């Protein structure tokens, strides 16, 4: 189903004549305040609203596709994920422009096994894969490509685009003007009642790669980053940071550490507050015989911070004084 066409005027019949009223009609403040607008619900509490536009970005290999699939299945099943909660099941389409189909199939199977809840019916989560589409997926930056993808969206309430670099191939990534066609496409879907989650790469400066104009209309921007002491043998272990949080704050917007593991073909996600995770790593290193100076060097943090974390560990009874 394509987004509605909002370019035509409003036609009104007066007697035997037809009058075309202007499409753009400003409302008085009183008229606007009198509108009966339904409250904006949350698709995934607290950061993914209905009619919301959001982005998740990370460097390569951190775990953004794992994260995106977890979000997709949680929303489709009306389930919890990393402390976030989908109040009710909603239809989701995951548009994958990068992953080999066999890899995506395996990842999805493991993700599904990790959830206790299932969608009301299988069609609540659909995968549109470049690898299983003859000729691949079209360019989301072009009008023709958008029309093709719109025709496949159907009744989905959440569109996950994974990822911008592979699906938006026209224009230049660093130029704001090149993003405008995609922004217009996303806003049209928002007007039609859908939410869009963009998955993207992180640039060298640590922010999302390319033009910052992408963030102008977004409700939420989430950055996934490896912890300072991350090792490659730890798999998908990363920190979740809310760089933009429209409509939520405080504890809901607090950063945390997430870890994804596979055990016997089942996905296991754990969430740990960053301070608790740091204390745990300090305890592990100090118990292993490292000095405070050595632990600070290993963790990539200042010695004074290790001393504070050691003090907290002693207070919690996790280390001897």
Protein backbone atom coordinates (compact mmCIF):
# COMPACT_ATOMS: atom_id res chain seq x y z
CA UNK A 1 0.00 0.00 0.00
CA UNK A 2 1.50 3.31 -1.05
CA UNK A 3 1.43 6.41 1.18
CA UNK A 4 -1.50 8.74 0.49
CA UNK A 5 -1.12 11.39 -2.20
CA UNK A 6 -1.31 14.72 -0.45
CA UNK A 7 -0.46 16.86 -3.48
CA UNK A 8 -4.00 17.25 -4.87
CA UNK A 9 -6.46 19.89 -3.76
CA UNK A 10 -9.78 19.20 -2.03
CA UNK A 11 -12.71 18.98 -4.44
CA UNK A 12 -16.10 20.35 -3.41
CA UNK A 13 -19.33 20.21 -5.42
CA UNK A 14 -21.43 23.41 -5.33
CA UNK A 15 -24.63 22.96 -7.35
CA UNK A 16 -23.58 21.89 -10.83
CA UNK A 17 -20.06 23.27 -10.43
CA UNK A 18 -16.96 21.71 -8.95
CA UNK A 19 -14.60 23.85 -6.91
CA UNK A 20 -11.02 22.84 -6.05
CA UNK A 21 -10.01 24.22 -2.68
CA UNK A 22 -6.34 24.80 -1.83
CA UNK A 23 -4.62 21.82 -0.26
CA UNK A 24 -2.89 24.00 2.29
CA UNK A 25 -5.32 25.59 4.74
CA UNK A 26 -3.92 26.98 8.00
CA UNK A 27 -6.03 26.46 11.11
CA UNK A 28 -6.62 29.05 13.75
CA UNK A 29 -5.19 28.22 17.15
CA UNK A 30 -8.73 27.56 18.39
CA UNK A 31 -9.45 25.23 15.46
CA UNK A 32 -6.18 23.37 15.99
CA UNK A 33 -6.81 22.96 19.71
CA UNK A 34 -10.32 21.65 19.00
CA UNK A 35 -9.04 18.81 16.80
CA UNK A 36 -9.74 15.37 18.23
CA UNK A 37 -6.35 13.73 17.81
CA UNK A 38 -5.78 10.22 19.16
CA UNK A 39 -2.99 9.96 21.75
CA UNK A 40 0.35 8.82 20.38
CA UNK A 41 0.91 5.27 21.59
CA UNK A 42 4.22 3.50 22.02
CA UNK A 43 5.18 0.61 19.77
CA UNK A 44 8.16 -0.24 21.98
CA UNK A 45 8.22 1.54 25.32
CA UNK A 46 9.85 4.02 25.88
CA UNK A 47 11.70 4.99 22.70
CA UNK A 48 9.73 3.80 19.63
CA UNK A 49 6.45 5.71 19.29
CA UNK A 50 3.56 5.12 16.94
CA UNK A 51 4.04 7.33 13.86
CA UNK A 52 7.66 7.61 14.96
CA UNK A 53 10.91 7.97 13.04
CA UNK A 54 14.00 6.59 14.75
CA UNK A 55 17.56 5.54 13.98
CA UNK A 56 19.99 3.00 15.41
CA UNK A 57 23.62 3.31 14.36
CA UNK A 58 26.86 1.56 15.19
CA UNK A 59 30.24 0.72 13.68
CA UNK A 60 30.50 -2.47 11.64
CA UNK A 61 30.33 -5.70 13.58
CA UNK A 62 28.93 -4.28 16.84
CA UNK A 63 25.50 -5.92 16.59
CA UNK A 64 23.02 -3.51 15.00
CA UNK A 65 21.31 -6.20 12.88
CA UNK A 66 20.96 -8.46 15.95
CA UNK A 67 19.48 -5.46 17.77
CA UNK A 68 17.16 -4.64 14.85
CA UNK A 69 15.89 -8.22 14.61
CA UNK A 70 15.29 -8.28 18.35
CA UNK A 71 13.22 -5.11 18.08
CA UNK A 72 11.32 -6.50 15.08
CA UNK A 73 10.33 -9.74 16.77
CA UNK A 74 9.47 -8.08 20.09
CA UNK A 75 7.11 -5.64 18.36
CA UNK A 76 5.53 -8.41 16.25
CA UNK A 77 5.02 -10.61 19.32
CA UNK A 78 4.06 -7.89 21.82
CA UNK A 79 7.00 -8.97 23.95
CA UNK A 80 9.83 -7.49 26.00
CA UNK A 81 13.35 -6.91 24.73
CA UNK A 82 16.34 -5.60 26.72
CA UNK A 83 14.01 -3.99 29.24
CA UNK A 84 11.84 -2.39 26.54
CA UNK A 85 8.23 -3.53 26.20
CA UNK A 86 5.88 -3.76 23.23
CA UNK A 87 2.39 -3.26 24.75
CA UNK A 88 0.57 -5.07 21.93
CA UNK A 89 1.65 -7.05 18.84
CA UNK A 90 1.98 -5.00 15.65
CA UNK A 91 2.77 -5.93 12.08
CA UNK A 92 6.41 -5.41 11.09
CA UNK A 93 8.34 -5.57 7.82
CA UNK A 94 12.13 -5.89 7.98
CA UNK A 95 13.75 -4.58 4.78
CA UNK A 96 17.20 -6.15 4.57
CA UNK A 97 19.52 -4.74 1.94
CA UNK A 98 22.80 -6.31 3.02
CA UNK A 99 22.72 -9.69 4.73
CA UNK A 100 23.15 -12.97 2.81
CA UNK A 101 19.83 -14.81 3.05
CA UNK A 102 21.33 -17.87 4.73
CA UNK A 103 22.94 -15.72 7.42
CA UNK A 104 19.74 -13.76 7.99
CA UNK A 105 17.74 -16.99 8.20
CA UNK A 106 20.04 -18.39 10.87
CA UNK A 107 20.08 -15.16 12.87
CA UNK A 108 16.32 -14.87 12.79
CA UNK A 109 15.87 -18.50 13.85
CA UNK A 110 18.10 -17.97 16.89
CA UNK A 111 16.32 -14.71 17.78
CA UNK A 112 12.90 -16.42 17.56
CA UNK A 113 14.01 -19.23 19.87
CA UNK A 114 15.04 -16.67 22.47
CA UNK A 115 11.51 -15.29 22.92
CA UNK A 116 8.85 -16.87 25.11
CA UNK A 117 6.10 -15.07 23.15
CA UNK A 118 5.16 -15.51 19.52
CA UNK A 119 3.33 -13.18 17.11
CA UNK A 120 -0.44 -13.79 16.81
CA UNK A 121 0.24 -15.17 13.33
CA UNK A 122 3.37 -15.59 11.18
CA UNK A 123 2.46 -12.69 8.88
CA UNK A 124 3.04 -10.22 11.73
CA UNK A 125 6.76 -10.27 10.85
CA UNK A 126 7.78 -10.22 7.20
CA UNK A 127 11.27 -10.11 5.71
CA UNK A 128 11.95 -8.30 2.44
CA UNK A 129 15.43 -9.53 1.53
CA UNK A 130 17.70 -8.25 -1.22
CA UNK A 131 19.24 -11.71 -1.47
CA UNK A 132 15.91 -13.41 -2.24
CA UNK A 133 14.68 -10.73 -4.64
CA UNK A 134 15.51 -11.06 -8.32
CA UNK A 135 17.72 -8.11 -9.21
CA UNK A 136 17.99 -7.08 -5.54
CA UNK A 137 16.06 -4.35 -3.77
CA UNK A 138 15.55 -0.98 -5.47
CA UNK A 139 17.13 2.34 -4.52
CA UNK A 140 15.15 3.83 -1.64
CA UNK A 141 16.48 7.23 -2.64
CA UNK A 142 14.54 7.23 -5.92
CA UNK A 143 10.82 7.72 -6.50
CA UNK A 144 10.55 4.48 -8.50
CA UNK A 145 12.40 2.53 -5.80
CA UNK A 146 10.18 3.94 -3.08
CA UNK A 147 7.07 2.98 -5.03
CA UNK A 148 8.34 -0.60 -5.38
CA UNK A 149 9.06 -0.91 -1.67
CA UNK A 150 5.74 0.75 -0.76
CA UNK A 151 3.90 -1.88 -2.79
CA UNK A 152 5.45 -4.59 -0.59
CA UNK A 153 4.79 -2.94 2.79
CA UNK A 154 1.12 -3.91 3.00
CA UNK A 155 -0.44 -3.38 6.42
CA UNK A 156 2.82 -3.14 8.38
CA UNK A 157 2.84 -0.59 11.20
CA UNK A 158 6.63 -0.64 11.60
CA UNK A 159 9.15 -0.55 8.74
CA UNK A 160 12.75 -1.44 9.63
CA UNK A 161 15.29 -0.32 7.01
CA UNK A 162 18.59 -2.22 7.35
CA UNK A 163 20.58 -0.37 6.31
CA UNK A 164 20.74 3.15 4.86
CA UNK A 165 24.08 2.62 3.10
CA UNK A 166 22.91 -0.36 1.06
CA UNK A 167 19.33 0.72 0.39
CA UNK A 168 19.85 4.43 -0.36
CA UNK A 169 22.22 4.43 -3.31
CA UNK A 170 21.52 7.73 -5.08
CA UNK A 171 22.95 11.08 -4.05
CA UNK A 172 25.94 11.69 -1.79
CA UNK A 173 25.90 10.47 1.79
CA UNK A 174 27.39 13.67 3.23
CA UNK A 175 25.03 16.04 1.43
CA UNK A 176 21.82 17.01 3.19
CA UNK A 177 19.97 17.57 -0.08
CA UNK A 178 20.50 13.92 -1.04
CA UNK A 179 18.61 12.82 2.08
CA UNK A 180 15.48 14.85 1.35
CA UNK A 181 13.77 12.23 -0.89
CA UNK A 182 14.17 9.59 1.83
CA UNK A 183 13.04 12.01 4.51
CA UNK A 184 9.95 12.79 2.43
CA UNK A 185 9.25 9.06 2.05
CA UNK A 186 9.55 8.51 5.82
CA UNK A 187 7.31 11.48 6.63
CA UNK A 188 4.67 10.20 4.19
CA UNK A 189 4.62 6.88 6.03
CA UNK A 190 4.36 8.72 9.34
CA UNK A 191 1.30 10.57 8.03
CA UNK A 192 -0.12 7.21 6.96
CA UNK A 193 0.22 5.95 10.55
CA UNK A 194 3.44 3.94 10.29
CA UNK A 195 6.75 4.11 12.12
CA UNK A 196 10.16 3.76 10.47
CA UNK A 197 13.36 2.50 12.11
CA UNK A 198 16.51 3.23 10.13
CA UNK A 199 19.61 1.12 10.79
CA UNK A 200 22.84 2.91 9.88
CA UNK A 201 26.61 2.94 10.26
CA UNK A 202 28.55 5.12 12.67
CA UNK A 203 31.07 7.54 11.18
CA UNK A 204 34.66 8.13 12.26
CA UNK A 205 33.62 10.81 14.72
CA UNK A 206 31.29 8.46 16.61
CA UNK A 207 28.06 9.98 15.28
CA UNK A 208 25.84 8.53 12.55
CA UNK A 209 27.68 8.54 9.22
CA UNK A 210 26.92 11.26 6.70
CA UNK A 211 24.73 14.33 6.90
CA UNK A 212 23.38 15.36 10.30
CA UNK A 213 20.21 16.45 8.49
CA UNK A 214 18.93 12.88 8.90
CA UNK A 215 18.38 13.53 12.58
CA UNK A 216 16.18 16.62 12.17
CA UNK A 217 12.84 14.78 12.05
CA UNK A 218 13.81 11.76 14.15
CA UNK A 219 12.22 11.11 17.53
CA UNK A 220 15.01 8.87 18.80
CA UNK A 221 18.65 8.27 17.87
CA UNK A 222 20.38 5.28 19.47
CA UNK A 223 24.13 4.65 19.26
CA UNK A 224 25.53 1.17 19.87
CA UNK A 225 29.20 1.24 20.92
CA UNK A 226 31.70 -1.33 22.09
CA UNK A 227 32.74 -0.92 25.70
CA UNK A 228 36.27 0.38 26.22
CA UNK A 229 37.51 -3.05 27.35
CA UNK A 230 35.66 -5.03 24.66
CA UNK A 231 37.43 -8.07 23.21
CA UNK A 232 36.58 -9.68 19.88
CA UNK A 233 35.99 -13.07 21.53
CA UNK A 234 33.06 -11.57 23.49
CA UNK A 235 30.76 -11.41 20.46
CA UNK A 236 27.96 -8.83 20.48
CA UNK A 237 28.60 -6.88 23.66
CA UNK A 238 27.93 -3.18 23.42
CA UNK A 239 26.67 -0.09 25.19
CA UNK A 240 23.33 1.45 24.24
CA UNK A 241 23.32 5.26 24.28
CA UNK A 242 20.33 7.51 23.57
CA UNK A 243 21.75 10.46 21.61
CA UNK A 244 18.30 11.94 20.98
CA UNK A 245 15.29 11.20 23.16
CA UNK A 246 12.10 13.06 22.29
CA UNK A 247 9.35 12.46 24.82
CA UNK A 248 11.26 10.40 27.37
CA UNK A 249 14.02 11.18 29.86
CA UNK A 250 15.55 10.20 33.20
CA UNK A 251 15.94 6.49 33.84
CA UNK A 252 14.19 5.68 30.55
CA UNK A 253 16.99 7.44 28.65
CA UNK A 254 19.86 6.05 30.71
CA UNK A 255 22.67 4.25 28.88
CA UNK A 256 23.26 0.57 29.58
CA UNK A 257 25.32 -2.39 28.42
CA UNK A 258 23.73 -5.14 26.33
CA UNK A 259 25.14 -8.55 25.54
CA UNK A 260 23.96 -11.07 22.97
CA UNK A 261 24.92 -14.73 23.24
CA UNK A 262 23.84 -17.91 21.51
CA UNK A 263 23.38 -21.03 23.60
CA UNK A 264 22.26 -24.21 21.89
CA UNK A 265 20.64 -22.25 19.07
CA UNK A 266 18.83 -19.85 21.41
CA UNK A 267 19.48 -16.11 21.63
CA UNK A 268 20.14 -14.84 25.13
CA UNK A 269 20.10 -11.09 25.75
CA UNK A 270 21.25 -9.57 29.03
CA UNK A 271 21.06 -5.93 30.13
CA UNK A 272 23.41 -4.49 32.72
CA UNK A 273 23.66 -0.93 33.96
CA UNK A 274 26.99 0.48 32.84
CA UNK A 275 28.17 1.25 36.37
CA UNK A 276 27.39 -2.33 37.46
CA UNK A 277 29.15 -3.71 34.39
CA UNK A 278 32.25 -1.61 35.11
CA UNK A 279 32.29 -2.73 38.74
CA UNK A 280 32.07 -6.34 37.59
CA UNK A 281 35.04 -5.93 35.26
CA UNK A 282 37.12 -4.21 37.96
CA UNK A 283 36.31 -7.02 40.41
CA UNK A 284 37.32 -9.62 37.83
CA UNK A 285 40.66 -7.92 37.12
CA UNK A 286 41.56 -7.22 40.74
CA UNK A 287 40.68 -10.75 41.78
CA UNK A 288 42.90 -11.92 38.94
CA UNK A 289 45.87 -10.24 40.60
CA UNK A 290 46.07 -6.94 38.72
CA UNK A 291 46.98 -3.73 40.49
CA UNK A 292 44.72 -0.67 40.24
CA UNK A 293 47.15 0.86 37.75
CA UNK A 294 47.14 -2.28 35.61
CA UNK A 295 43.36 -2.55 35.74
CA UNK A 296 43.01 1.08 34.66
CA UNK A 297 45.28 0.46 31.67
CA UNK A 298 43.39 -2.72 30.74
CA UNK A 299 40.01 -0.99 30.93
CA UNK A 300 41.15 2.22 29.27
CA UNK A 301 39.91 4.40 32.15
CA UNK A 302 41.59 6.64 34.71
CA UNK A 303 43.13 5.13 37.83
CA UNK A 304 40.91 7.26 40.08
CA UNK A 305 37.82 5.73 38.48
CA UNK A 306 39.11 2.22 39.18
CA UNK A 307 39.65 3.24 42.79
CA UNK A 308 36.05 4.52 43.04
CA UNK A 309 34.70 1.35 41.44
CA UNK A 310 36.80 -0.79 43.80
CA UNK A 311 35.34 1.13 46.75
CA UNK A 312 31.80 0.47 45.51
CA UNK A 313 32.64 -3.22 45.03
CA UNK A 314 33.87 -3.42 48.63
CA UNK A 315 30.69 -1.69 49.85
CA UNK A 316 28.63 -4.24 47.93
CA UNK A 317 30.60 -7.12 49.41
CA UNK A 318 32.01 -8.16 46.02
CA UNK A 319 35.62 -7.51 47.11
CA UNK A 320 37.43 -7.71 50.41
CA UNK A 321 38.56 -4.41 51.78
